[in-house]
N, C-alpha and C. Protein backbone atom coordinates (compact mmCIF):
# COMPACT_ATOMS: atom_id res chain seq x y z
N MET A 1 6.89 8.60 -8.62
CA MET A 1 6.44 7.99 -7.39
C MET A 1 6.54 6.47 -7.52
N ALA A 2 7.15 5.85 -6.55
CA ALA A 2 7.36 4.40 -6.58
C ALA A 2 6.04 3.66 -6.38
N ARG A 3 5.92 2.52 -7.02
CA ARG A 3 4.72 1.68 -6.85
C ARG A 3 4.91 0.81 -5.62
N ARG A 4 4.83 1.43 -4.47
CA ARG A 4 5.05 0.71 -3.22
C ARG A 4 4.04 1.20 -2.18
N CYS A 5 3.48 0.27 -1.43
CA CYS A 5 2.52 0.59 -0.38
C CYS A 5 3.26 1.26 0.77
N GLN A 6 2.72 2.39 1.26
CA GLN A 6 3.39 3.12 2.33
C GLN A 6 3.20 2.47 3.69
N VAL A 7 2.22 1.60 3.82
CA VAL A 7 1.96 0.97 5.10
C VAL A 7 2.63 -0.40 5.19
N SER A 8 2.37 -1.26 4.21
CA SER A 8 2.88 -2.63 4.27
C SER A 8 4.20 -2.82 3.53
N GLY A 9 4.54 -1.90 2.61
CA GLY A 9 5.79 -2.01 1.87
C GLY A 9 5.73 -2.94 0.67
N ILE A 10 4.53 -3.39 0.30
CA ILE A 10 4.38 -4.28 -0.84
C ILE A 10 4.72 -3.53 -2.12
N GLY A 11 5.51 -4.16 -3.00
CA GLY A 11 5.90 -3.55 -4.27
C GLY A 11 5.70 -4.51 -5.42
N PRO A 12 6.16 -4.14 -6.62
CA PRO A 12 6.01 -5.02 -7.78
C PRO A 12 6.85 -6.29 -7.63
N VAL A 13 6.35 -7.38 -8.23
CA VAL A 13 7.05 -8.66 -8.20
C VAL A 13 7.21 -9.12 -9.65
N ALA A 14 8.34 -9.74 -9.98
CA ALA A 14 8.57 -10.25 -11.32
C ALA A 14 8.22 -11.73 -11.37
N GLY A 15 7.72 -12.15 -12.52
CA GLY A 15 7.37 -13.55 -12.70
C GLY A 15 7.19 -13.84 -14.18
N ASN A 16 6.61 -14.97 -14.47
CA ASN A 16 6.39 -15.38 -15.85
C ASN A 16 4.91 -15.46 -16.15
N SER A 17 4.55 -15.04 -17.37
CA SER A 17 3.21 -15.26 -17.89
C SER A 17 3.31 -16.53 -18.73
N VAL A 18 2.57 -17.56 -18.37
CA VAL A 18 2.70 -18.87 -19.02
C VAL A 18 1.49 -19.12 -19.89
N SER A 19 1.73 -19.37 -21.19
CA SER A 19 0.64 -19.63 -22.12
C SER A 19 0.20 -21.09 -22.06
N HIS A 20 -0.83 -21.43 -22.82
CA HIS A 20 -1.33 -22.80 -22.86
C HIS A 20 -0.26 -23.75 -23.42
N ALA A 21 0.57 -23.24 -24.35
CA ALA A 21 1.65 -24.04 -24.94
C ALA A 21 2.89 -24.04 -24.05
N HIS A 22 2.76 -23.46 -22.88
CA HIS A 22 3.82 -23.40 -21.87
C HIS A 22 4.99 -22.51 -22.28
N ASN A 23 4.70 -21.50 -23.13
CA ASN A 23 5.71 -20.49 -23.45
C ASN A 23 5.75 -19.49 -22.30
N LYS A 24 6.94 -19.11 -21.90
CA LYS A 24 7.09 -18.20 -20.77
C LYS A 24 7.60 -16.85 -21.25
N THR A 25 6.91 -15.78 -20.83
CA THR A 25 7.37 -14.42 -21.08
C THR A 25 7.38 -13.67 -19.75
N LYS A 26 8.38 -12.81 -19.58
CA LYS A 26 8.52 -12.07 -18.33
C LYS A 26 7.35 -11.11 -18.13
N LYS A 27 6.92 -10.95 -16.89
CA LYS A 27 5.80 -10.09 -16.55
C LYS A 27 6.03 -9.50 -15.17
N ARG A 28 5.54 -8.27 -14.97
CA ARG A 28 5.58 -7.64 -13.64
C ARG A 28 4.18 -7.66 -13.07
N PHE A 29 4.06 -8.13 -11.84
CA PHE A 29 2.79 -8.13 -11.14
C PHE A 29 2.80 -6.92 -10.21
N LEU A 30 1.92 -5.94 -10.48
CA LEU A 30 1.91 -4.70 -9.73
C LEU A 30 0.89 -4.79 -8.58
N PRO A 31 1.18 -4.16 -7.45
CA PRO A 31 0.24 -4.18 -6.33
C PRO A 31 -0.98 -3.31 -6.64
N ASN A 32 -2.09 -3.62 -6.01
CA ASN A 32 -3.34 -2.88 -6.19
C ASN A 32 -3.32 -1.67 -5.27
N LEU A 33 -2.69 -0.57 -5.74
CA LEU A 33 -2.52 0.62 -4.90
C LEU A 33 -3.68 1.59 -5.07
N GLN A 34 -4.12 2.15 -3.96
CA GLN A 34 -5.19 3.13 -3.93
C GLN A 34 -4.71 4.34 -3.13
N LYS A 35 -5.10 5.53 -3.58
CA LYS A 35 -4.78 6.74 -2.83
C LYS A 35 -5.98 7.05 -1.94
N LYS A 36 -5.77 7.01 -0.61
CA LYS A 36 -6.87 7.16 0.34
C LYS A 36 -6.57 8.26 1.34
N ARG A 37 -7.62 8.92 1.77
CA ARG A 37 -7.55 9.94 2.81
C ARG A 37 -8.21 9.34 4.05
N ILE A 38 -7.42 9.09 5.07
CA ILE A 38 -7.88 8.35 6.24
C ILE A 38 -7.81 9.25 7.48
N TRP A 39 -8.86 9.21 8.29
CA TRP A 39 -8.88 9.96 9.55
C TRP A 39 -8.12 9.17 10.60
N VAL A 40 -7.07 9.77 11.16
CA VAL A 40 -6.28 9.14 12.21
C VAL A 40 -6.66 9.79 13.54
N LYS A 41 -7.31 9.01 14.40
CA LYS A 41 -7.83 9.54 15.66
C LYS A 41 -6.71 9.97 16.61
N GLU A 42 -5.58 9.24 16.59
CA GLU A 42 -4.47 9.55 17.48
C GLU A 42 -3.87 10.93 17.19
N LEU A 43 -3.87 11.33 15.91
CA LEU A 43 -3.31 12.63 15.52
C LEU A 43 -4.37 13.70 15.36
N ASN A 44 -5.65 13.28 15.34
CA ASN A 44 -6.79 14.18 15.17
C ASN A 44 -6.72 14.95 13.85
N LYS A 45 -6.35 14.25 12.77
CA LYS A 45 -6.28 14.87 11.44
C LYS A 45 -6.39 13.81 10.35
N PHE A 46 -6.61 14.27 9.11
CA PHE A 46 -6.65 13.38 7.97
C PHE A 46 -5.24 13.15 7.45
N VAL A 47 -4.98 11.93 6.95
CA VAL A 47 -3.69 11.58 6.38
C VAL A 47 -3.95 10.97 5.01
N THR A 48 -3.24 11.45 3.98
CA THR A 48 -3.35 10.88 2.64
C THR A 48 -2.27 9.82 2.48
N VAL A 49 -2.70 8.60 2.14
CA VAL A 49 -1.78 7.46 2.06
C VAL A 49 -1.98 6.76 0.73
N ARG A 50 -0.88 6.28 0.16
CA ARG A 50 -0.93 5.42 -1.02
C ARG A 50 -0.78 3.99 -0.51
N VAL A 51 -1.89 3.26 -0.46
CA VAL A 51 -1.93 2.00 0.26
C VAL A 51 -2.52 0.91 -0.63
N SER A 52 -2.05 -0.33 -0.44
CA SER A 52 -2.60 -1.45 -1.19
C SER A 52 -3.96 -1.84 -0.62
N ALA A 53 -4.76 -2.51 -1.43
CA ALA A 53 -6.11 -2.89 -1.01
C ALA A 53 -6.06 -3.84 0.18
N SER A 54 -5.08 -4.74 0.20
CA SER A 54 -4.97 -5.68 1.32
C SER A 54 -4.58 -4.95 2.60
N ALA A 55 -3.71 -3.95 2.52
CA ALA A 55 -3.33 -3.18 3.70
C ALA A 55 -4.50 -2.31 4.18
N LEU A 56 -5.33 -1.85 3.24
CA LEU A 56 -6.50 -1.06 3.60
C LEU A 56 -7.47 -1.89 4.43
N ARG A 57 -7.63 -3.16 4.08
CA ARG A 57 -8.49 -4.06 4.84
C ARG A 57 -7.90 -4.29 6.24
N THR A 58 -6.59 -4.40 6.32
CA THR A 58 -5.92 -4.59 7.61
C THR A 58 -6.09 -3.36 8.49
N ILE A 59 -6.01 -2.16 7.90
CA ILE A 59 -6.18 -0.92 8.64
C ILE A 59 -7.60 -0.83 9.20
N SER A 60 -8.59 -1.20 8.38
CA SER A 60 -9.97 -1.12 8.86
C SER A 60 -10.23 -2.15 9.95
N LYS A 61 -9.49 -3.24 9.95
CA LYS A 61 -9.66 -4.28 10.96
C LYS A 61 -8.94 -3.93 12.26
N ASN A 62 -7.68 -3.46 12.17
CA ASN A 62 -6.84 -3.26 13.36
C ASN A 62 -6.76 -1.83 13.85
N GLY A 63 -7.15 -0.85 13.03
CA GLY A 63 -7.09 0.54 13.45
C GLY A 63 -5.96 1.29 12.78
N THR A 64 -5.85 2.57 13.11
CA THR A 64 -4.92 3.47 12.42
C THR A 64 -3.66 3.77 13.20
N SER A 65 -3.36 2.99 14.22
CA SER A 65 -2.18 3.28 15.04
C SER A 65 -0.88 3.14 14.25
N GLN A 66 -0.85 2.22 13.28
CA GLN A 66 0.35 2.04 12.46
C GLN A 66 0.59 3.25 11.56
N ILE A 67 -0.47 3.85 11.04
CA ILE A 67 -0.34 5.05 10.21
C ILE A 67 0.15 6.22 11.05
N ALA A 68 -0.36 6.33 12.29
CA ALA A 68 0.08 7.40 13.18
C ALA A 68 1.58 7.29 13.44
N LYS A 69 2.06 6.07 13.59
CA LYS A 69 3.49 5.84 13.81
C LYS A 69 4.31 6.27 12.60
N LEU A 70 3.81 5.99 11.38
CA LEU A 70 4.51 6.38 10.15
C LEU A 70 4.54 7.89 9.98
N VAL A 71 3.46 8.57 10.37
CA VAL A 71 3.42 10.04 10.26
C VAL A 71 4.43 10.67 11.20
N LYS A 72 4.54 10.11 12.41
CA LYS A 72 5.50 10.65 13.37
C LYS A 72 6.94 10.44 12.92
N GLU A 73 7.19 9.37 12.12
CA GLU A 73 8.53 9.13 11.58
C GLU A 73 8.76 9.88 10.28
N LYS A 74 7.77 10.69 9.85
CA LYS A 74 7.83 11.52 8.63
C LYS A 74 7.89 10.67 7.34
N LYS A 75 7.32 9.47 7.35
CA LYS A 75 7.28 8.63 6.15
C LYS A 75 5.99 8.82 5.37
N VAL A 76 4.98 9.43 6.01
CA VAL A 76 3.69 9.70 5.37
C VAL A 76 3.31 11.14 5.65
N LYS A 77 2.76 11.83 4.63
CA LYS A 77 2.37 13.23 4.79
C LYS A 77 1.01 13.32 5.48
N ALA A 78 0.90 14.23 6.42
CA ALA A 78 -0.37 14.50 7.08
C ALA A 78 -0.87 15.85 6.62
N ARG A 79 -2.17 15.96 6.42
CA ARG A 79 -2.76 17.24 5.99
C ARG A 79 -3.62 17.81 7.05
């Protein structure tokens, strides 16, 4: 399973870990993914989503209409 948010599409990013002596080593910054079961009122059912914490905050603020759209496009499984 890919480390990618199903709602926002956020994935891993590459960068450098920089020490105090300014030595650089490659590092991957992974998104904060959570597996959540969310009630979607438009579909009248629960949907299990692998979503980042920032996208989860956006969903609670704006509603679940974006998840309903993803379920209809078969990008997210509905139970």
